[in-house]
Structure formats: structure tokens, C-alpha cells
Amino acid sequence: MGVIAWIVLGLVAGLIANMLIPGRRSQGLIVTCVIGIVGALLGGWLATKLFHIHSLQGFFNISTWITAIVGAAILLFAYHLFTQQSGRSSRSSRSGRSRRYARR
């Protein structure tokens, strides 16, 4: 597949993976698409290395799409876990400060 096909596949796989993962989505469309592209590439590479499956045979092949969507979903889920962890610590310190000043 060409580079343009990889980009289109990653964009669509990122959007589908974003719909499959439950919860609040804090990232924008561009971040979702970039994670989709990287996840599709990573999923294809891992499928080839770990399972010896050459799933990247063509743009309209179903195994290519499943590999890309699963790779994008895993990377998107990891992104959500990472941003939730860092978001909680900064939010809790801010809310503590606002309560302290509200009492005065």
C-alpha cells in the first residue's frame, strides 16, 4: 500500500476506534487521527512480528482494516489512561486551592 492509503486507513481506523472506546473523549479530531495513523502502523507491524500474519495485503482487505482498528484502539486506550492519570493529579490540586480560598 502507498503512503496515502496508509494515511487514509489510519484516519478512518482512528475514528472507528474512538467510537469503540467508551468514556469521555478529551482529545480533538487531529490527535485522534494521528493516534489512528500511528496505531494502524503499529498494529500492522506487531501482527507481522508477533503472529507472522501478513495482514497488510491491500486497502480493501478486511484483515488490514481489523488490524488497523485494533492497533488504533489499543493506542487510543493507552492515551486515555495516560491523560486521565495526569489530569487527575492537576485537577485535584486546583480544586483544593479553590476550596481553601472560598472559605476565607
Protein backbone atom coordinates (compact mmCIF):
# COMPACT_ATOMS: atom_id res chain seq x y z
CA MET A 1 0.00 0.00 0.00
CA GLY A 2 1.12 3.53 -0.64
CA VAL A 3 1.64 6.28 1.88
CA ILE A 4 -1.64 7.99 1.03
CA ALA A 5 -3.52 4.73 1.58
CA TRP A 6 -1.83 4.33 4.99
CA ILE A 7 -2.87 7.82 5.99
CA VAL A 8 -6.48 7.29 4.90
CA LEU A 9 -6.59 3.88 6.58
CA GLY A 10 -5.17 5.34 9.80
CA LEU A 11 -7.59 8.28 9.78
CA VAL A 12 -10.63 6.07 9.42
CA ALA A 13 -9.29 3.43 11.83
CA GLY A 14 -8.68 6.15 14.44
CA LEU A 15 -12.20 7.48 14.12
CA ILE A 16 -13.72 3.99 14.35
CA ALA A 17 -11.52 3.11 17.33
CA ASN A 18 -12.55 6.36 19.02
CA MET A 19 -16.20 5.34 18.70
CA LEU A 20 -15.47 1.86 20.09
CA ILE A 21 -13.73 3.03 23.26
CA PRO A 22 -16.22 4.07 25.96
CA GLY A 23 -15.84 7.14 28.12
CA ARG A 24 -15.30 10.83 27.74
CA ARG A 25 -13.10 11.88 24.86
CA SER A 26 -10.82 14.73 25.73
CA GLN A 27 -8.68 14.81 22.59
CA GLY A 28 -9.56 16.56 19.38
CA LEU A 29 -10.00 15.28 15.88
CA ILE A 30 -6.38 15.85 14.87
CA VAL A 31 -4.99 13.92 17.85
CA THR A 32 -7.46 11.10 17.16
CA CYS A 33 -6.36 10.92 13.54
CA VAL A 34 -2.65 10.99 14.41
CA ILE A 35 -3.15 8.24 17.01
CA GLY A 36 -5.12 6.31 14.38
CA ILE A 37 -2.33 6.53 11.83
CA VAL A 38 0.35 5.52 14.35
CA GLY A 39 -1.88 2.78 15.77
CA ALA A 40 -2.57 1.36 12.31
CA LEU A 41 1.13 1.26 11.53
CA LEU A 42 1.96 -0.23 14.94
CA GLY A 43 -0.83 -2.80 14.69
CA GLY A 44 0.34 -3.94 11.27
CA TRP A 45 3.94 -4.18 12.40
CA LEU A 46 3.04 -6.11 15.56
CA ALA A 47 0.76 -8.51 13.68
CA THR A 48 3.60 -9.28 11.30
CA LYS A 49 6.26 -9.69 14.00
CA LEU A 50 4.29 -11.48 16.73
CA PHE A 51 1.81 -13.63 14.84
CA HIS A 52 3.61 -13.93 11.47
CA ILE A 53 0.43 -12.70 9.81
CA HIS A 54 0.88 -10.56 6.74
CA SER A 55 -2.38 -8.70 7.13
CA LEU A 56 -1.31 -5.71 5.08
CA GLN A 57 -2.15 -7.14 1.69
CA GLY A 58 -4.44 -4.46 0.34
CA PHE A 59 -6.54 -1.45 1.19
CA PHE A 60 -9.86 -3.27 0.84
CA ASN A 61 -8.75 -6.42 2.66
CA ILE A 62 -10.76 -6.97 5.87
CA SER A 63 -7.74 -8.24 7.84
CA THR A 64 -5.92 -4.99 7.08
CA TRP A 65 -8.82 -2.96 8.49
CA ILE A 66 -9.23 -5.14 11.59
CA THR A 67 -5.50 -4.92 12.31
CA ALA A 68 -5.52 -1.15 11.87
CA ILE A 69 -8.62 -0.62 14.05
CA VAL A 70 -7.32 -2.88 16.83
CA GLY A 71 -3.92 -1.15 16.77
CA ALA A 72 -5.55 2.28 16.86
CA ALA A 73 -7.92 1.22 19.66
CA ILE A 74 -5.07 -0.07 21.83
CA LEU A 75 -3.04 3.09 21.31
CA LEU A 76 -6.08 5.30 21.90
CA PHE A 77 -6.91 3.41 25.10
CA ALA A 78 -3.32 3.86 26.31
CA TYR A 79 -3.58 7.58 25.50
CA HIS A 80 -6.79 7.83 27.55
CA LEU A 81 -5.19 6.05 30.50
CA PHE A 82 -2.16 8.32 30.37
CA THR A 83 -4.13 11.55 30.10
CA GLN A 84 -6.58 10.53 32.85
CA GLN A 85 -3.74 9.83 35.28
CA SER A 86 -2.02 13.16 34.65
CA GLY A 87 -5.35 15.03 34.54
CA ARG A 88 -6.47 13.81 37.96
CA SER A 89 -3.41 15.00 39.82
CA SER A 90 -3.56 18.51 38.37
CA ARG A 91 -7.34 18.79 38.85
CA SER A 92 -7.24 17.67 42.47
CA SER A 93 -4.61 20.26 43.38
CA ARG A 94 -6.59 23.02 41.66
CA SER A 95 -9.87 22.12 43.29
CA GLY A 96 -8.18 22.02 46.70
CA ARG A 97 -6.87 25.53 46.23
CA SER A 98 -10.23 26.92 45.17
CA ARG A 99 -11.93 25.43 48.22
CA ARG A 100 -9.29 26.85 50.53
CA TYR A 101 -9.77 30.37 49.17
CA ALA A 102 -13.56 30.04 49.16
CA ARG A 103 -13.62 29.55 52.94
CA ARG A 104 -11.96 32.89 53.71
